[in-house]
């Protein structure tokens, strides 16, 4: 998904593409609490990124979400949480 960032220039189109990929992923492989983990990652990392941007630790040229960051970034973080959860379950099995 990260590889799409330089290819898809429009933030809204990239966010939609990410949501489509995530939806397909959830339909192909349903795991318990994946959606909850996705929402948790989306919310927590939106707050975290907002703090980083407001303190000047991070800056973004694209600020389509709340004037702070690209709209697709929290979606990507949310799915990263799901990928990490799935990886941990594989390792611990």
N, C-alpha and C. Protein backbone atom coordinates (compact mmCIF):
# COMPACT_ATOMS: atom_id res chain seq x y z
N UNK A 1 0.82 -1.19 0.00
CA UNK A 1 0.00 0.00 0.00
C UNK A 1 0.87 1.26 0.00
N UNK A 2 1.99 1.20 0.67
CA UNK A 2 2.89 2.35 0.70
C UNK A 2 3.39 2.67 -0.70
N UNK A 3 3.58 1.65 -1.52
CA UNK A 3 4.04 1.84 -2.89
C UNK A 3 3.08 2.63 -3.76
N UNK A 4 1.82 2.74 -3.34
CA UNK A 4 0.83 3.51 -4.11
C UNK A 4 0.96 5.02 -3.89
N UNK A 5 1.63 5.44 -2.83
CA UNK A 5 1.70 6.86 -2.49
C UNK A 5 2.29 7.70 -3.63
N UNK A 6 3.42 7.33 -4.23
CA UNK A 6 3.93 8.16 -5.32
C UNK A 6 3.15 8.00 -6.63
N UNK A 7 2.37 6.94 -6.74
CA UNK A 7 1.63 6.68 -7.99
C UNK A 7 0.30 7.41 -8.01
N UNK A 8 -0.44 7.35 -6.90
CA UNK A 8 -1.77 7.97 -6.81
C UNK A 8 -1.58 9.34 -6.15
N UNK A 9 -1.67 10.38 -6.93
CA UNK A 9 -1.37 11.74 -6.44
C UNK A 9 -2.53 12.36 -5.65
N UNK A 10 -3.77 11.99 -5.97
CA UNK A 10 -4.93 12.57 -5.30
C UNK A 10 -5.17 11.88 -3.96
N UNK A 11 -5.16 12.65 -2.88
CA UNK A 11 -5.32 12.09 -1.54
C UNK A 11 -6.64 11.35 -1.36
N UNK A 12 -7.71 11.89 -1.90
CA UNK A 12 -9.02 11.27 -1.74
C UNK A 12 -9.11 9.96 -2.52
N UNK A 13 -8.53 9.93 -3.70
CA UNK A 13 -8.50 8.71 -4.49
C UNK A 13 -7.63 7.65 -3.80
N UNK A 14 -6.52 8.07 -3.23
CA UNK A 14 -5.66 7.14 -2.51
C UNK A 14 -6.37 6.59 -1.28
N UNK A 15 -7.07 7.44 -0.54
CA UNK A 15 -7.83 6.99 0.63
C UNK A 15 -8.91 5.99 0.22
N UNK A 16 -9.59 6.27 -0.88
CA UNK A 16 -10.62 5.35 -1.38
C UNK A 16 -10.00 4.03 -1.81
N UNK A 17 -8.86 4.09 -2.47
CA UNK A 17 -8.15 2.87 -2.89
C UNK A 17 -7.75 2.05 -1.67
N UNK A 18 -7.23 2.71 -0.65
CA UNK A 18 -6.86 2.01 0.58
C UNK A 18 -8.08 1.34 1.21
N UNK A 19 -9.19 2.05 1.29
CA UNK A 19 -10.40 1.47 1.89
C UNK A 19 -10.87 0.27 1.09
N UNK A 20 -10.76 0.33 -0.23
CA UNK A 20 -11.14 -0.79 -1.09
C UNK A 20 -10.23 -1.99 -0.81
N UNK A 21 -8.94 -1.77 -0.75
CA UNK A 21 -7.99 -2.85 -0.46
C UNK A 21 -8.27 -3.47 0.91
N UNK A 22 -8.54 -2.64 1.89
CA UNK A 22 -8.83 -3.13 3.24
C UNK A 22 -10.12 -3.94 3.26
N UNK A 23 -11.14 -3.45 2.58
CA UNK A 23 -12.41 -4.17 2.51
C UNK A 23 -12.21 -5.56 1.89
N UNK A 24 -11.47 -5.60 0.78
CA UNK A 24 -11.19 -6.89 0.13
C UNK A 24 -10.41 -7.80 1.09
N UNK A 25 -9.44 -7.23 1.78
CA UNK A 25 -8.65 -8.00 2.75
C UNK A 25 -9.54 -8.59 3.84
N UNK A 26 -10.47 -7.79 4.35
CA UNK A 26 -11.37 -8.26 5.40
C UNK A 26 -12.33 -9.32 4.87
N UNK A 27 -12.74 -9.20 3.62
CA UNK A 27 -13.64 -10.20 3.03
C UNK A 27 -12.93 -11.52 2.76
N UNK A 28 -11.68 -11.44 2.34
CA UNK A 28 -10.91 -12.65 2.04
C UNK A 28 -10.57 -13.41 3.31
N UNK A 29 -10.16 -12.68 4.32
CA UNK A 29 -9.71 -13.32 5.56
C UNK A 29 -10.33 -12.63 6.75
N UNK A 30 -11.38 -13.22 7.28
CA UNK A 30 -12.04 -12.66 8.45
C UNK A 30 -11.37 -13.19 9.70
N UNK A 31 -10.91 -12.29 10.52
CA UNK A 31 -10.34 -12.66 11.80
C UNK A 31 -11.03 -11.86 12.89
N UNK A 32 -11.11 -12.48 14.05
CA UNK A 32 -11.79 -11.85 15.16
C UNK A 32 -11.15 -10.51 15.53
N UNK A 33 -11.98 -9.52 15.69
CA UNK A 33 -11.61 -8.18 16.15
C UNK A 33 -10.74 -7.39 15.17
N UNK A 34 -10.62 -7.82 13.91
CA UNK A 34 -9.85 -7.04 12.94
C UNK A 34 -10.40 -5.64 12.77
N UNK A 35 -11.72 -5.51 12.66
CA UNK A 35 -12.30 -4.19 12.45
C UNK A 35 -12.06 -3.30 13.67
N UNK A 36 -12.18 -3.86 14.85
CA UNK A 36 -11.92 -3.10 16.08
C UNK A 36 -10.47 -2.62 16.13
N UNK A 37 -9.55 -3.50 15.76
CA UNK A 37 -8.14 -3.13 15.73
C UNK A 37 -7.90 -2.04 14.69
N UNK A 38 -8.56 -2.14 13.54
CA UNK A 38 -8.44 -1.13 12.49
C UNK A 38 -8.90 0.23 13.00
N UNK A 39 -10.07 0.27 13.60
CA UNK A 39 -10.62 1.54 14.11
C UNK A 39 -9.73 2.10 15.22
N UNK A 40 -9.27 1.23 16.11
CA UNK A 40 -8.38 1.66 17.19
C UNK A 40 -7.11 2.30 16.62
N UNK A 41 -6.47 1.62 15.65
CA UNK A 41 -5.27 2.17 15.03
C UNK A 41 -5.54 3.48 14.32
N UNK A 42 -6.66 3.55 13.63
CA UNK A 42 -7.03 4.78 12.92
C UNK A 42 -7.18 5.95 13.89
N UNK A 43 -7.90 5.73 14.97
CA UNK A 43 -8.16 6.82 15.94
C UNK A 43 -6.90 7.19 16.71
N UNK A 44 -6.22 6.20 17.25
CA UNK A 44 -5.05 6.47 18.09
C UNK A 44 -3.94 7.15 17.28
N UNK A 45 -3.69 6.65 16.08
CA UNK A 45 -2.62 7.24 15.29
C UNK A 45 -3.01 8.59 14.71
N UNK A 46 -4.29 8.84 14.50
CA UNK A 46 -4.71 10.18 14.10
C UNK A 46 -4.39 11.18 15.21
N UNK A 47 -4.67 10.78 16.43
CA UNK A 47 -4.35 11.64 17.57
C UNK A 47 -2.84 11.81 17.70
N UNK A 48 -2.11 10.71 17.59
CA UNK A 48 -0.65 10.78 17.68
C UNK A 48 -0.03 11.64 16.61
N UNK A 49 -0.44 11.42 15.37
CA UNK A 49 0.10 12.23 14.26
C UNK A 49 -0.27 13.70 14.46
N UNK A 50 -1.47 13.97 14.95
CA UNK A 50 -1.88 15.36 15.20
C UNK A 50 -0.96 16.03 16.21
N UNK A 51 -0.60 15.29 17.25
CA UNK A 51 0.33 15.84 18.24
C UNK A 51 1.70 16.10 17.64
N UNK A 52 2.19 15.16 16.82
CA UNK A 52 3.49 15.35 16.18
C UNK A 52 3.49 16.56 15.26
N UNK A 53 2.41 16.71 14.48
CA UNK A 53 2.33 17.84 13.54
C UNK A 53 2.21 19.16 14.30
N UNK A 54 1.37 19.17 15.34
CA UNK A 54 1.16 20.43 16.08
C UNK A 54 2.41 20.88 16.83
N UNK A 55 3.30 19.96 17.17
CA UNK A 55 4.54 20.33 17.85
C UNK A 55 5.69 20.56 16.87
N UNK A 56 5.45 20.31 15.58
CA UNK A 56 6.47 20.54 14.57
C UNK A 56 7.42 19.37 14.36
N UNK A 57 7.18 18.25 15.03
CA UNK A 57 8.03 17.07 14.87
C UNK A 57 7.89 16.52 13.45
N UNK A 58 6.68 16.56 12.92
CA UNK A 58 6.41 16.10 11.55
C UNK A 58 5.72 17.22 10.79
N UNK A 59 5.97 17.24 9.49
CA UNK A 59 5.25 18.16 8.61
C UNK A 59 4.83 17.41 7.36
N UNK A 60 3.72 17.80 6.80
CA UNK A 60 3.20 17.20 5.57
C UNK A 60 2.88 18.30 4.57
N UNK A 61 3.20 18.06 3.33
CA UNK A 61 2.84 19.03 2.29
C UNK A 61 1.36 18.90 1.95
N UNK A 62 0.83 17.71 2.09
CA UNK A 62 -0.60 17.49 1.86
C UNK A 62 -1.31 17.48 3.20
N UNK A 63 -2.33 18.32 3.32
CA UNK A 63 -3.04 18.46 4.60
C UNK A 63 -4.54 18.39 4.39
N UNK A 64 -5.00 17.26 3.86
CA UNK A 64 -6.41 17.13 3.53
C UNK A 64 -7.26 16.67 4.70
N UNK A 65 -6.66 16.28 5.81
CA UNK A 65 -7.42 15.89 7.00
C UNK A 65 -7.18 16.90 8.11
N UNK A 66 -8.19 17.65 8.43
CA UNK A 66 -8.15 18.64 9.51
C UNK A 66 -7.05 19.68 9.32
N UNK A 67 -6.58 19.84 8.10
CA UNK A 67 -5.52 20.79 7.82
C UNK A 67 -4.17 20.38 8.40
N UNK A 68 -4.03 19.10 8.77
CA UNK A 68 -2.82 18.64 9.44
C UNK A 68 -2.02 17.61 8.67
N UNK A 69 -2.72 16.65 8.05
CA UNK A 69 -2.05 15.49 7.45
C UNK A 69 -2.86 14.99 6.27
N UNK A 70 -2.28 14.12 5.46
CA UNK A 70 -3.04 13.53 4.36
C UNK A 70 -4.18 12.66 4.90
N UNK A 71 -5.31 12.69 4.24
CA UNK A 71 -6.48 11.94 4.71
C UNK A 71 -6.26 10.43 4.69
N UNK A 72 -5.36 9.98 3.84
CA UNK A 72 -5.12 8.54 3.73
C UNK A 72 -4.22 8.00 4.84
N UNK A 73 -3.49 8.85 5.54
CA UNK A 73 -2.51 8.40 6.53
C UNK A 73 -3.14 7.61 7.69
N UNK A 74 -4.19 8.10 8.34
CA UNK A 74 -4.79 7.30 9.41
C UNK A 74 -5.35 5.96 8.92
N UNK A 75 -5.84 5.94 7.68
CA UNK A 75 -6.35 4.68 7.12
C UNK A 75 -5.20 3.69 6.97
N UNK A 76 -4.07 4.16 6.49
CA UNK A 76 -2.90 3.31 6.35
C UNK A 76 -2.43 2.81 7.72
N UNK A 77 -2.40 3.69 8.70
CA UNK A 77 -2.01 3.30 10.06
C UNK A 77 -2.99 2.27 10.63
N UNK A 78 -4.27 2.49 10.40
CA UNK A 78 -5.28 1.55 10.90
C UNK A 78 -5.05 0.15 10.36
N UNK A 79 -4.77 0.06 9.07
CA UNK A 79 -4.52 -1.25 8.49
C UNK A 79 -3.17 -1.81 8.94
N UNK A 80 -2.21 -0.94 9.21
CA UNK A 80 -0.92 -1.40 9.73
C UNK A 80 -1.14 -2.10 11.08
N UNK A 81 -2.03 -1.58 11.91
CA UNK A 81 -2.35 -2.23 13.18
C UNK A 81 -2.91 -3.63 12.95
N UNK A 82 -3.79 -3.76 11.95
CA UNK A 82 -4.35 -5.07 11.63
C UNK A 82 -3.25 -6.02 11.16
N UNK A 83 -2.37 -5.53 10.29
CA UNK A 83 -1.28 -6.36 9.79
C UNK A 83 -0.36 -6.80 10.93
N UNK A 84 -0.09 -5.91 11.86
CA UNK A 84 0.75 -6.26 13.02
C UNK A 84 0.04 -7.30 13.88
N UNK A 85 -1.26 -7.11 14.12
CA UNK A 85 -2.02 -8.07 14.91
C UNK A 85 -1.97 -9.44 14.26
N UNK A 86 -2.21 -9.50 12.97
CA UNK A 86 -2.18 -10.78 12.25
C UNK A 86 -0.79 -11.42 12.30
N UNK A 87 0.24 -10.60 12.19
CA UNK A 87 1.61 -11.12 12.26
C UNK A 87 1.92 -11.71 13.63
N UNK A 88 1.49 -11.03 14.67
CA UNK A 88 1.72 -11.52 16.02
C UNK A 88 1.00 -12.85 16.23
N UNK A 89 -0.22 -12.97 15.72
CA UNK A 89 -0.95 -14.23 15.85
C UNK A 89 -0.25 -15.37 15.11
N UNK A 90 0.32 -15.08 13.97
CA UNK A 90 1.05 -16.11 13.21
C UNK A 90 2.29 -16.53 13.97
N UNK A 91 3.03 -15.57 14.50
CA UNK A 91 4.26 -15.87 15.23
C UNK A 91 3.97 -16.66 16.51
N UNK A 92 2.90 -16.31 17.20
CA UNK A 92 2.60 -16.94 18.48
C UNK A 92 1.92 -18.30 18.34
N UNK A 93 1.52 -18.67 17.13
CA UNK A 93 0.84 -19.96 16.94
C UNK A 93 1.78 -21.13 17.03
